């Protein structure tokens, strides 16, 4: 109650005992004790101070587009940044708060004739999530256009990191290694030159390809697995004969085997069982361990597959 009263006193928006399936792109997830919506960096810092003072477990998210939340929910505070959504474009530099939808930032940049973010127009996550996982598609990645960022460290100090500080690699950044929270990021783009395909046309072309190849008509968390070295997760899953395989109402997409889709009221445990079965089957057939790309929130009964010790 003290936590709630503190939020109310500070006029910080929050919900109590609400199902997280209403907030995830997977449309899966049990109730969270609290869902809190900071609208500024100051509010975000205050919320983190409060959860620590009150001994409340907490987890920070963006648009919940790359997560699977347990059916048991989360007995703590989910802090969602989607209302921290200010961004500006000055010349070829974009400064965006962590909660901005990366697709909206990318589209606005493309409309201004700036190239480099076309790949992100169809990505349903936030700037924070995109930087956190070095999001990418169609041979483009966040690291390619990243300039610098302001992040919050464990002691709630705001520090500035340049590109070389971020330790970007495939679907990875320093933010994953350390308890750092992205507050805002700056991206450096380039103006399209003569003879270049207009950025907005290139972005629309990418989106058309997404519509043709991805199961966008169903709730999902995007690609479930990271791309294994020298191969593709979807290709291995398809070759293992798993297209269309389902557990409950969680199903490996018939359209793109790299996706698990929610056919309607799927449970998180259905998805975890499907992930385990897929990992085990692909490993037994090809000797490749598929590593999940998505994040998991809460407690699960079904483990992830581990390579047997010989």
C-alpha atoms as a PDB file:
ATOM      1  CA  UNK A   1       0.000   0.000   0.000  1.00  0.00           C
ATOM      2  CA  UNK A   2       2.845   2.410   0.744  1.00  0.00           C
ATOM      3  CA  UNK A   3       4.098   1.904  -2.818  1.00  0.00           C
ATOM      4  CA  UNK A   4       0.661   2.679  -4.254  1.00  0.00           C
ATOM      5  CA  UNK A   5       0.228   5.771  -2.107  1.00  0.00           C
ATOM      6  CA  UNK A   6       3.655   7.033  -3.170  1.00  0.00           C
ATOM      7  CA  UNK A   7       2.753   6.615  -6.837  1.00  0.00           C
ATOM      8  CA  UNK A   8      -0.562   8.382  -6.311  1.00  0.00           C
ATOM      9  CA  UNK A   9       1.123  11.239  -4.455  1.00  0.00           C
ATOM     10  CA  UNK A  10       3.572  11.700  -7.334  1.00  0.00           C
ATOM     11  CA  UNK A  11       0.742  11.440  -9.887  1.00  0.00           C
ATOM     12  CA  UNK A  12       2.457   8.492 -11.583  1.00  0.00           C
ATOM     13  CA  UNK A  13       0.081   6.355 -13.627  1.00  0.00           C
ATOM     14  CA  UNK A  14      -0.255   2.694 -12.662  1.00  0.00           C
ATOM     15  CA  UNK A  15      -2.604  -0.266 -12.876  1.00  0.00           C
ATOM     16  CA  UNK A  16      -3.053  -3.039 -10.322  1.00  0.00           C
ATOM     17  CA  UNK A  17      -3.692  -6.759 -10.885  1.00  0.00           C
ATOM     18  CA  UNK A  18      -4.107  -6.472 -14.629  1.00  0.00           C
ATOM     19  CA  UNK A  19      -3.424  -9.324 -17.098  1.00  0.00           C
ATOM     20  CA  UNK A  20      -0.232  -8.768 -19.044  1.00  0.00           C
ATOM     21  CA  UNK A  21      -1.711 -10.529 -22.076  1.00  0.00           C
ATOM     22  CA  UNK A  22      -3.468  -7.215 -22.755  1.00  0.00           C
ATOM     23  CA  UNK A  23      -0.056  -5.581 -23.215  1.00  0.00           C
ATOM     24  CA  UNK A  24       2.071  -8.205 -24.992  1.00  0.00           C
ATOM     25  CA  UNK A  25       2.093  -8.719 -28.761  1.00  0.00           C
ATOM     26  CA  UNK A  26       1.821 -12.471 -28.027  1.00  0.00           C
ATOM     27  CA  UNK A  27      -1.490 -11.803 -26.208  1.00  0.00           C
ATOM     28  CA  UNK A  28      -0.229 -14.167 -23.500  1.00  0.00           C
ATOM     29  CA  UNK A  29       0.536 -13.601 -19.817  1.00  0.00           C
ATOM     30  CA  UNK A  30      -0.980 -13.668 -16.338  1.00  0.00           C
ATOM     31  CA  UNK A  31      -1.605 -10.749 -14.025  1.00  0.00           C
ATOM     32  CA  UNK A  32       1.015  -8.300 -12.810  1.00  0.00           C
ATOM     33  CA  UNK A  33       0.658  -6.913  -9.314  1.00  0.00           C
ATOM     34  CA  UNK A  34       1.501  -3.502 -10.753  1.00  0.00           C
ATOM     35  CA  UNK A  35       1.985  -2.063 -14.224  1.00  0.00           C
ATOM     36  CA  UNK A  36       3.563   1.384 -13.992  1.00  0.00           C
ATOM     37  CA  UNK A  37       3.800   3.982 -16.760  1.00  0.00           C
ATOM     38  CA  UNK A  38       6.525   6.628 -16.293  1.00  0.00           C
ATOM     39  CA  UNK A  39       6.195   9.638 -18.585  1.00  0.00           C
ATOM     40  CA  UNK A  40       9.660  11.077 -18.019  1.00  0.00           C
ATOM     41  CA  UNK A  41      13.175  10.139 -16.958  1.00  0.00           C
ATOM     42  CA  UNK A  42      12.543  11.692 -13.544  1.00  0.00           C
ATOM     43  CA  UNK A  43       9.430   9.549 -13.046  1.00  0.00           C
ATOM     44  CA  UNK A  44      11.282   6.425 -14.149  1.00  0.00           C
ATOM     45  CA  UNK A  45      14.067   7.057 -11.639  1.00  0.00           C
ATOM     46  CA  UNK A  46      11.534   7.727  -8.877  1.00  0.00           C
ATOM     47  CA  UNK A  47       9.687   4.469  -9.650  1.00  0.00           C
ATOM     48  CA  UNK A  48      12.916   2.476  -9.429  1.00  0.00           C
ATOM     49  CA  UNK A  49      13.747   4.166  -6.117  1.00  0.00           C
ATOM     50  CA  UNK A  50      10.301   3.226  -4.808  1.00  0.00           C
ATOM     51  CA  UNK A  51      10.387  -0.445  -5.856  1.00  0.00           C
ATOM     52  CA  UNK A  52      13.795  -0.798  -4.218  1.00  0.00           C
ATOM     53  CA  UNK A  53      12.662   0.946  -1.030  1.00  0.00           C
ATOM     54  CA  UNK A  54       9.581  -1.283  -0.825  1.00  0.00           C
ATOM     55  CA  UNK A  55      11.341  -4.533  -1.691  1.00  0.00           C
ATOM     56  CA  UNK A  56       9.207  -5.068  -4.787  1.00  0.00           C
ATOM     57  CA  UNK A  57      10.536  -7.177  -7.628  1.00  0.00           C
ATOM     58  CA  UNK A  58      10.474  -5.237 -10.869  1.00  0.00           C
ATOM     59  CA  UNK A  59      11.072  -5.616 -14.572  1.00  0.00           C
ATOM     60  CA  UNK A  60      11.363  -2.916 -17.215  1.00  0.00           C
ATOM     61  CA  UNK A  61       9.775  -3.408 -20.643  1.00  0.00           C
ATOM     62  CA  UNK A  62       8.928  -1.454 -23.759  1.00  0.00           C
ATOM     63  CA  UNK A  63       6.126  -2.540 -26.073  1.00  0.00           C
ATOM     64  CA  UNK A  64       6.307  -6.177 -24.832  1.00  0.00           C
ATOM     65  CA  UNK A  65       6.872  -7.329 -28.405  1.00  0.00           C
ATOM     66  CA  UNK A  66       9.739  -9.702 -27.700  1.00  0.00           C
ATOM     67  CA  UNK A  67       8.656 -11.323 -24.453  1.00  0.00           C
ATOM     68  CA  UNK A  68       6.802 -14.345 -23.131  1.00  0.00           C
ATOM     69  CA  UNK A  69       5.120 -13.743 -19.788  1.00  0.00           C
ATOM     70  CA  UNK A  70       4.318 -16.653 -17.471  1.00  0.00           C
ATOM     71  CA  UNK A  71       0.716 -17.756 -17.011  1.00  0.00           C
ATOM     72  CA  UNK A  72       1.341 -17.152 -13.300  1.00  0.00           C
ATOM     73  CA  UNK A  73       1.960 -13.506 -14.081  1.00  0.00           C
ATOM     74  CA  UNK A  74       4.474 -11.383 -12.231  1.00  0.00           C
ATOM     75  CA  UNK A  75       4.229 -10.664  -8.511  1.00  0.00           C
ATOM     76  CA  UNK A  76       5.892  -7.301  -8.725  1.00  0.00           C
ATOM     77  CA  UNK A  77       6.011  -4.150 -10.829  1.00  0.00           C
ATOM     78  CA  UNK A  78       6.218  -4.155 -14.598  1.00  0.00           C
ATOM     79  CA  UNK A  79       7.574  -0.751 -15.595  1.00  0.00           C
ATOM     80  CA  UNK A  80       6.651   0.031 -19.181  1.00  0.00           C
ATOM     81  CA  UNK A  81       8.329   2.923 -20.968  1.00  0.00           C
ATOM     82  CA  UNK A  82       5.837   3.414 -23.795  1.00  0.00           C
ATOM     83  CA  UNK A  83       4.771   6.859 -22.540  1.00  0.00           C
ATOM     84  CA  UNK A  84       8.365   8.118 -22.679  1.00  0.00           C
ATOM     85  CA  UNK A  85       7.951   8.750 -26.371  1.00  0.00           C
ATOM     86  CA  UNK A  86       9.484  12.092 -27.363  1.00  0.00           C
ATOM     87  CA  UNK A  87      11.838  12.240 -30.322  1.00  0.00           C
ATOM     88  CA  UNK A  88      13.266  14.918 -32.583  1.00  0.00           C
ATOM     89  CA  UNK A  89      15.113  14.963 -35.881  1.00  0.00           C
ATOM     90  CA  UNK A  90      17.710  17.674 -36.486  1.00  0.00           C
ATOM     91  CA  UNK A  91      19.507  17.450 -39.815  1.00  0.00           C
ATOM     92  CA  UNK A  92      20.669  13.814 -39.978  1.00  0.00           C
ATOM     93  CA  UNK A  93      20.580  13.156 -36.217  1.00  0.00           C
ATOM     94  CA  UNK A  94      17.656  11.583 -34.363  1.00  0.00           C
ATOM     95  CA  UNK A  95      17.334  11.783 -30.584  1.00  0.00           C
ATOM     96  CA  UNK A  96      14.632   9.475 -29.210  1.00  0.00           C
ATOM     97  CA  UNK A  97      13.454   8.514 -25.742  1.00  0.00           C
ATOM     98  CA  UNK A  98      13.433   4.826 -24.850  1.00  0.00           C
ATOM     99  CA  UNK A  99       9.674   4.376 -25.175  1.00  0.00           C
ATOM    100  CA  UNK A 100       9.344   5.657 -28.732  1.00  0.00           C
ATOM    101  CA  UNK A 101       8.175   3.038 -31.191  1.00  0.00           C
ATOM    102  CA  UNK A 102      11.193   2.371 -33.404  1.00  0.00           C
ATOM    103  CA  UNK A 103       8.856   1.905 -36.374  1.00  0.00           C
ATOM    104  CA  UNK A 104       7.453   5.434 -35.987  1.00  0.00           C
ATOM    105  CA  UNK A 105      10.916   6.968 -35.622  1.00  0.00           C
ATOM    106  CA  UNK A 106      12.114   5.047 -38.667  1.00  0.00           C
ATOM    107  CA  UNK A 107       9.139   6.042 -40.814  1.00  0.00           C
ATOM    108  CA  UNK A 108       9.531   9.725 -39.957  1.00  0.00           C
ATOM    109  CA  UNK A 109      13.232   9.533 -40.836  1.00  0.00           C
ATOM    110  CA  UNK A 110      12.422   7.868 -44.156  1.00  0.00           C
ATOM    111  CA  UNK A 111       9.847  10.546 -44.967  1.00  0.00           C
ATOM    112  CA  UNK A 112      12.571  13.153 -44.461  1.00  0.00           C
ATOM    113  CA  UNK A 113      14.817  11.389 -46.979  1.00  0.00           C
ATOM    114  CA  UNK A 114      17.159   9.886 -44.385  1.00  0.00           C
ATOM    115  CA  UNK A 115      18.464   6.369 -44.983  1.00  0.00           C
ATOM    116  CA  UNK A 116      19.720   3.759 -42.546  1.00  0.00           C
ATOM    117  CA  UNK A 117      16.588   2.929 -40.564  1.00  0.00           C
ATOM    118  CA  UNK A 118      14.435   1.513 -43.362  1.00  0.00           C
ATOM    119  CA  UNK A 119      14.792  -1.979 -41.902  1.00  0.00           C
ATOM    120  CA  UNK A 120      13.073  -0.876 -38.673  1.00  0.00           C
ATOM    121  CA  UNK A 121       9.793   0.432 -40.113  1.00  0.00           C
ATOM    122  CA  UNK A 122       8.138  -2.949 -39.519  1.00  0.00           C
ATOM    123  CA  UNK A 123       9.671  -3.708 -36.110  1.00  0.00           C
ATOM    124  CA  UNK A 124       6.979  -3.506 -33.378  1.00  0.00           C
ATOM    125  CA  UNK A 125       9.318  -2.681 -30.475  1.00  0.00           C
ATOM    126  CA  UNK A 126      10.558   0.486 -28.791  1.00  0.00           C
ATOM    127  CA  UNK A 127      13.839   2.340 -29.176  1.00  0.00           C
ATOM    128  CA  UNK A 128      14.919   0.942 -25.806  1.00  0.00           C
ATOM    129  CA  UNK A 129      14.236  -2.619 -26.839  1.00  0.00           C
ATOM    130  CA  UNK A 130      15.835  -2.123 -30.253  1.00  0.00           C
ATOM    131  CA  UNK A 131      19.089  -0.847 -28.754  1.00  0.00           C
ATOM    132  CA  UNK A 132      19.027  -3.425 -25.946  1.00  0.00           C
ATOM    133  CA  UNK A 133      18.993  -6.329 -28.404  1.00  0.00           C
ATOM    134  CA  UNK A 134      20.673  -4.612 -31.350  1.00  0.00           C
ATOM    135  CA  UNK A 135      17.541  -5.246 -33.392  1.00  0.00           C
ATOM    136  CA  UNK A 136      17.908  -5.814 -37.075  1.00  0.00           C
ATOM    137  CA  UNK A 137      16.395  -7.054 -40.310  1.00  0.00           C
ATOM    138  CA  UNK A 138      17.209  -7.113 -44.019  1.00  0.00           C
ATOM    139  CA  UNK A 139      20.957  -6.730 -43.422  1.00  0.00           C
ATOM    140  CA  UNK A 140      20.518  -3.665 -41.228  1.00  0.00           C
ATOM    141  CA  UNK A 141      21.128  -3.400 -37.465  1.00  0.00           C
ATOM    142  CA  UNK A 142      20.810  -0.692 -34.828  1.00  0.00           C
ATOM    143  CA  UNK A 143      24.583  -0.652 -34.368  1.00  0.00           C
ATOM    144  CA  UNK A 144      24.956   0.586 -37.948  1.00  0.00           C
ATOM    145  CA  UNK A 145      23.338   3.933 -37.160  1.00  0.00           C
ATOM    146  CA  UNK A 146      23.876   4.203 -33.382  1.00  0.00           C
ATOM    147  CA  UNK A 147      25.711   7.347 -32.245  1.00  0.00           C
ATOM    148  CA  UNK A 148      25.384   7.514 -28.445  1.00  0.00           C
ATOM    149  CA  UNK A 149      22.960   7.000 -25.578  1.00  0.00           C
ATOM    150  CA  UNK A 150      22.128   8.072 -22.059  1.00  0.00           C
ATOM    151  CA  UNK A 151      21.644   5.126 -19.710  1.00  0.00           C
ATOM    152  CA  UNK A 152      20.838   4.613 -16.059  1.00  0.00           C
ATOM    153  CA  UNK A 153      23.272   2.510 -14.049  1.00  0.00           C
ATOM    154  CA  UNK A 154      22.591   0.371 -10.963  1.00  0.00           C
ATOM    155  CA  UNK A 155      23.163   3.360  -8.681  1.00  0.00           C
ATOM    156  CA  UNK A 156      20.678   5.468 -10.677  1.00  0.00           C
ATOM    157  CA  UNK A 157      23.396   7.638 -12.159  1.00  0.00           C
ATOM    158  CA  UNK A 158      22.875   8.841 -15.729  1.00  0.00           C
ATOM    159  CA  UNK A 159      25.901   8.061 -17.880  1.00  0.00           C
ATOM    160  CA  UNK A 160      26.597   8.606 -21.565  1.00  0.00           C
ATOM    161  CA  UNK A 161      27.824   5.771 -23.764  1.00  0.00           C
ATOM    162  CA  UNK A 162      29.230   5.984 -27.269  1.00  0.00           C
ATOM    163  CA  UNK A 163      29.048   3.305 -29.920  1.00  0.00           C
ATOM    164  CA  UNK A 164      32.361   1.720 -28.894  1.00  0.00           C
ATOM    165  CA  UNK A 165      31.088   1.464 -25.297  1.00  0.00           C
ATOM    166  CA  UNK A 166      28.029  -0.569 -26.250  1.00  0.00           C
ATOM    167  CA  UNK A 167      29.741  -3.842 -27.249  1.00  0.00           C
ATOM    168  CA  UNK A 168      27.203  -4.525 -29.962  1.00  0.00           C
ATOM    169  CA  UNK A 169      27.067  -7.953 -31.570  1.00  0.00           C
ATOM    170  CA  UNK A 170      24.332 -10.092 -33.085  1.00  0.00           C
ATOM    171  CA  UNK A 171      21.158  -9.463 -31.034  1.00  0.00           C
ATOM    172  CA  UNK A 172      23.300  -8.255 -28.163  1.00  0.00           C
ATOM    173  CA  UNK A 173      24.510  -5.091 -26.481  1.00  0.00           C
ATOM    174  CA  UNK A 174      26.202  -4.084 -23.258  1.00  0.00           C
ATOM    175  CA  UNK A 175      22.754  -3.352 -21.848  1.00  0.00           C
ATOM    176  CA  UNK A 176      22.171  -7.108 -21.715  1.00  0.00           C
ATOM    177  CA  UNK A 177      25.428  -7.722 -19.860  1.00  0.00           C
ATOM    178  CA  UNK A 178      24.982  -5.104 -17.155  1.00  0.00           C
ATOM    179  CA  UNK A 179      22.031  -3.676 -15.278  1.00  0.00           C
ATOM    180  CA  UNK A 180      21.835  -0.610 -17.490  1.00  0.00           C
ATOM    181  CA  UNK A 181      18.574   0.994 -18.613  1.00  0.00           C
ATOM    182  CA  UNK A 182      18.454   2.966 -21.833  1.00  0.00           C
ATOM    183  CA  UNK A 183      16.902   6.406 -21.341  1.00  0.00           C
ATOM    184  CA  UNK A 184      17.385   7.897 -24.789  1.00  0.00           C
ATOM    185  CA  UNK A 185      19.479   7.239 -27.849  1.00  0.00           C
ATOM    186  CA  UNK A 186      20.899   9.263 -30.715  1.00  0.00           C
ATOM    187  CA  UNK A 187      21.148   7.825 -34.217  1.00  0.00           C
ATOM    188  CA  UNK A 188      23.172   9.231 -37.110  1.00  0.00           C
ATOM    189  CA  UNK A 189      21.671   8.669 -40.546  1.00  0.00           C
ATOM    190  CA  UNK A 190      22.625   9.729 -44.047  1.00  0.00           C
ATOM    191  CA  UNK A 191      20.674  11.614 -46.670  1.00  0.00           C
ATOM    192  CA  UNK A 192      19.754   9.509 -49.675  1.00  0.00           C
ATOM    193  CA  UNK A 193      21.846  10.406 -52.704  1.00  0.00           C
ATOM    194  CA  UNK A 194      21.042  10.629 -56.378  1.00  0.00           C
ATOM    195  CA  UNK A 195      20.330   7.211 -57.786  1.00  0.00           C
ATOM    196  CA  UNK A 196      19.364   5.797 -54.354  1.00  0.00           C
ATOM    197  CA  UNK A 197      15.947   4.260 -53.914  1.00  0.00           C
ATOM    198  CA  UNK A 198      13.957   6.694 -51.784  1.00  0.00           C
ATOM    199  CA  UNK A 199      14.142   5.554 -48.127  1.00  0.00           C
ATOM    200  CA  UNK A 200      10.356   5.482 -47.755  1.00  0.00           C
ATOM    201  CA  UNK A 201      10.045   3.329 -50.882  1.00  0.00           C
ATOM    202  CA  UNK A 202      12.694   0.948 -49.566  1.00  0.00           C
ATOM    203  CA  UNK A 203      10.905   0.762 -46.200  1.00  0.00           C
ATOM    204  CA  UNK A 204       7.581   0.045 -47.903  1.00  0.00           C
ATOM    205  CA  UNK A 205       9.265  -2.663 -49.965  1.00  0.00           C
ATOM    206  CA  UNK A 206      10.572  -4.296 -46.768  1.00  0.00           C
ATOM    207  CA  UNK A 207       7.112  -4.142 -45.211  1.00  0.00           C
ATOM    208  CA  UNK A 208       5.591  -5.784 -48.267  1.00  0.00           C
ATOM    209  CA  UNK A 209       8.117  -8.600 -47.937  1.00  0.00           C
ATOM    210  CA  UNK A 210       7.173  -8.954 -44.262  1.00  0.00           C
ATOM    211  CA  UNK A 211       3.492  -9.241 -45.136  1.00  0.00           C
ATOM    212  CA  UNK A 212       4.253 -11.892 -47.724  1.00  0.00           C
ATOM    213  CA  UNK A 213       6.578 -14.023 -45.585  1.00  0.00           C
ATOM    214  CA  UNK A 214       5.572 -13.528 -41.959  1.00  0.00           C
ATOM    215  CA  UNK A 215       2.384 -14.607 -40.120  1.00  0.00           C
ATOM    216  CA  UNK A 216       1.354 -11.086 -39.172  1.00  0.00           C
ATOM    217  CA  UNK A 217      -2.333 -12.075 -38.888  1.00  0.00           C
ATOM    218  CA  UNK A 218      -1.640 -13.900 -35.607  1.00  0.00           C
ATOM    219  CA  UNK A 219      -0.290 -12.652 -32.268  1.00  0.00           C
ATOM    220  CA  UNK A 220       3.381 -13.540 -31.836  1.00  0.00           C
ATOM    221  CA  UNK A 221       6.654 -12.322 -30.374  1.00  0.00           C
ATOM    222  CA  UNK A 222       8.409 -12.221 -33.745  1.00  0.00           C
ATOM    223  CA  UNK A 223      11.313 -14.558 -34.379  1.00  0.00           C
ATOM    224  CA  UNK A 224      11.536 -16.981 -31.468  1.00  0.00           C
ATOM    225  CA  UNK A 225      15.144 -18.078 -31.979  1.00  0.00           C
ATOM    226  CA  UNK A 226      18.395 -16.344 -32.812  1.00  0.00           C
ATOM    227  CA  UNK A 227      20.016 -17.150 -36.131  1.00  0.00           C
ATOM    228  CA  UNK A 228      22.518 -19.975 -35.575  1.00  0.00           C
ATOM    229  CA  UNK A 229      25.978 -19.473 -37.069  1.00  0.00           C
ATOM    230  CA  UNK A 230      25.958 -20.269 -40.756  1.00  0.00           C
ATOM    231  CA  UNK A 231      22.285 -21.163 -40.897  1.00  0.00           C
ATOM    232  CA  UNK A 232      18.733 -19.977 -40.277  1.00  0.00           C
ATOM    233  CA  UNK A 233      16.478 -21.074 -37.429  1.00  0.00           C
ATOM    234  CA  UNK A 234      13.358 -21.156 -39.592  1.00  0.00           C
ATOM    235  CA  UNK A 235      15.075 -23.299 -42.218  1.00  0.00           C
ATOM    236  CA  UNK A 236      16.257 -25.858 -39.634  1.00  0.00           C
ATOM    237  CA  UNK A 237      12.833 -26.000 -38.001  1.00  0.00           C
ATOM    238  CA  UNK A 238      11.141 -26.526 -41.357  1.00  0.00           C
ATOM    239  CA  UNK A 239      13.650 -29.219 -42.362  1.00  0.00           C
ATOM    240  CA  UNK A 240      12.971 -30.944 -39.040  1.00  0.00           C
ATOM    241  CA  UNK A 241       9.347 -31.295 -40.168  1.00  0.00           C
ATOM    242  CA  UNK A 242       7.946 -29.014 -37.481  1.00  0.00           C
ATOM    243  CA  UNK A 243       5.973 -26.509 -39.557  1.00  0.00           C
ATOM    244  CA  UNK A 244       2.430 -26.494 -38.206  1.00  0.00           C
ATOM    245  CA  UNK A 245       3.376 -28.467 -35.074  1.00  0.00           C
ATOM    246  CA  UNK A 246       1.326 -27.264 -32.143  1.00  0.00           C
ATOM    247  CA  UNK A 247       0.940 -27.583 -28.417  1.00  0.00           C
ATOM    248  CA  UNK A 248      -2.468 -26.408 -27.331  1.00  0.00           C
ATOM    249  CA  UNK A 249      -3.105 -23.212 -29.260  1.00  0.00           C
ATOM    250  CA  UNK A 250       0.577 -22.355 -29.689  1.00  0.00           C
ATOM    251  CA  UNK A 251       1.718 -23.307 -33.168  1.00  0.00           C
ATOM    252  CA  UNK A 252       4.855 -23.163 -35.304  1.00  0.00           C
ATOM    253  CA  UNK A 253       3.707 -21.006 -38.186  1.00  0.00           C
ATOM    254  CA  UNK A 254       2.913 -22.693 -41.486  1.00  0.00           C
ATOM    255  CA  UNK A 255       4.000 -19.477 -43.187  1.00  0.00           C
ATOM    256  CA  UNK A 256       7.374 -18.981 -41.468  1.00  0.00           C
ATOM    257  CA  UNK A 257       8.789 -21.694 -39.215  1.00  0.00           C
ATOM    258  CA  UNK A 258      10.838 -19.159 -37.228  1.00  0.00           C
ATOM    259  CA  UNK A 259       7.623 -17.873 -35.652  1.00  0.00           C
ATOM    260  CA  UNK A 260       5.433 -19.374 -32.954  1.00  0.00           C
ATOM    261  CA  UNK A 261       1.924 -17.948 -33.203  1.00  0.00           C
ATOM    262  CA  UNK A 262      -0.993 -17.754 -30.796  1.00  0.00           C
ATOM    263  CA  UNK A 263      -4.007 -19.290 -32.539  1.00  0.00           C
ATOM    264  CA  UNK A 264      -6.263 -18.098 -29.724  1.00  0.00           C
ATOM    265  CA  UNK A 265      -5.896 -18.099 -25.924  1.00  0.00           C
ATOM    266  CA  UNK A 266      -2.603 -20.017 -26.035  1.00  0.00           C
ATOM    267  CA  UNK A 267      -0.880 -20.469 -22.698  1.00  0.00           C
ATOM    268  CA  UNK A 268       2.684 -19.450 -21.949  1.00  0.00           C
ATOM    269  CA  UNK A 269       3.380 -23.067 -20.957  1.00  0.00           C
ATOM    270  CA  UNK A 270       2.134 -24.183 -24.386  1.00  0.00           C
ATOM    271  CA  UNK A 271       4.750 -21.906 -25.936  1.00  0.00           C
ATOM    272  CA  UNK A 272       7.502 -23.112 -23.594  1.00  0.00           C
ATOM    273  CA  UNK A 273       6.685 -26.752 -24.378  1.00  0.00           C
ATOM    274  CA  UNK A 274       6.799 -25.931 -28.070  1.00  0.00           C
ATOM    275  CA  UNK A 275      10.148 -24.142 -27.666  1.00  0.00           C
ATOM    276  CA  UNK A 276      11.568 -27.137 -25.761  1.00  0.00           C
ATOM    277  CA  UNK A 277      10.308 -29.631 -28.346  1.00  0.00           C
ATOM    278  CA  UNK A 278      11.683 -27.525 -31.201  1.00  0.00           C
ATOM    279  CA  UNK A 279      15.095 -27.140 -29.553  1.00  0.00           C
ATOM    280  CA  UNK A 280      15.288 -30.876 -28.772  1.00  0.00           C
ATOM    281  CA  UNK A 281      14.160 -31.986 -32.248  1.00  0.00           C
ATOM    282  CA  UNK A 282      16.503 -29.651 -34.137  1.00  0.00           C
ATOM    283  CA  UNK A 283      19.431 -30.597 -31.891  1.00  0.00           C
ATOM    284  CA  UNK A 284      18.818 -34.322 -32.346  1.00  0.00           C
ATOM    285  CA  UNK A 285      18.514 -33.988 -36.131  1.00  0.00           C
ATOM    286  CA  UNK A 286      21.202 -31.410 -36.877  1.00  0.00           C
ATOM    287  CA  UNK A 287      23.341 -30.997 -33.753  1.00  0.00           C
ATOM    288  CA  UNK A 288      22.402 -27.305 -33.517  1.00  0.00           C
ATOM    289  CA  UNK A 289      21.097 -25.792 -30.283  1.00  0.00           C
ATOM    290  CA  UNK A 290      18.621 -23.023 -31.057  1.00  0.00           C
ATOM    291  CA  UNK A 291      18.913 -20.155 -28.594  1.00  0.00           C
ATOM    292  CA  UNK A 292      15.746 -18.177 -27.816  1.00  0.00           C
ATOM    293  CA  UNK A 293      15.755 -14.575 -28.955  1.00  0.00           C
ATOM    294  CA  UNK A 294      12.786 -13.623 -26.800  1.00  0.00           C
ATOM    295  CA  UNK A 295      12.924 -12.697 -23.113  1.00  0.00           C
ATOM    296  CA  UNK A 296      11.022 -14.581 -20.418  1.00  0.00           C
ATOM    297  CA  UNK A 297       9.208 -12.896 -17.527  1.00  0.00           C
ATOM    298  CA  UNK A 298       8.010 -14.826 -14.480  1.00  0.00           C
ATOM    299  CA  UNK A 299       8.219 -18.479 -13.498  1.00  0.00           C
ATOM    300  CA  UNK A 300       7.757 -21.376 -15.920  1.00  0.00           C
ATOM    301  CA  UNK A 301       7.272 -25.073 -15.274  1.00  0.00           C
ATOM    302  CA  UNK A 302       8.692 -26.155 -18.635  1.00  0.00           C
ATOM    303  CA  UNK A 303      12.486 -25.738 -18.908  1.00  0.00           C
ATOM    304  CA  UNK A 304      14.461 -24.777 -21.968  1.00  0.00           C
ATOM    305  CA  UNK A 305      16.304 -27.626 -23.657  1.00  0.00           C
ATOM    306  CA  UNK A 306      19.897 -28.235 -22.598  1.00  0.00           C
ATOM    307  CA  UNK A 307      22.488 -30.324 -24.429  1.00  0.00           C
ATOM    308  CA  UNK A 308      22.772 -33.677 -22.632  1.00  0.00           C
ATOM    309  CA  UNK A 309      26.044 -34.238 -20.791  1.00  0.00           C
ATOM    310  CA  UNK A 310      27.799 -37.284 -22.238  1.00  0.00           C
END
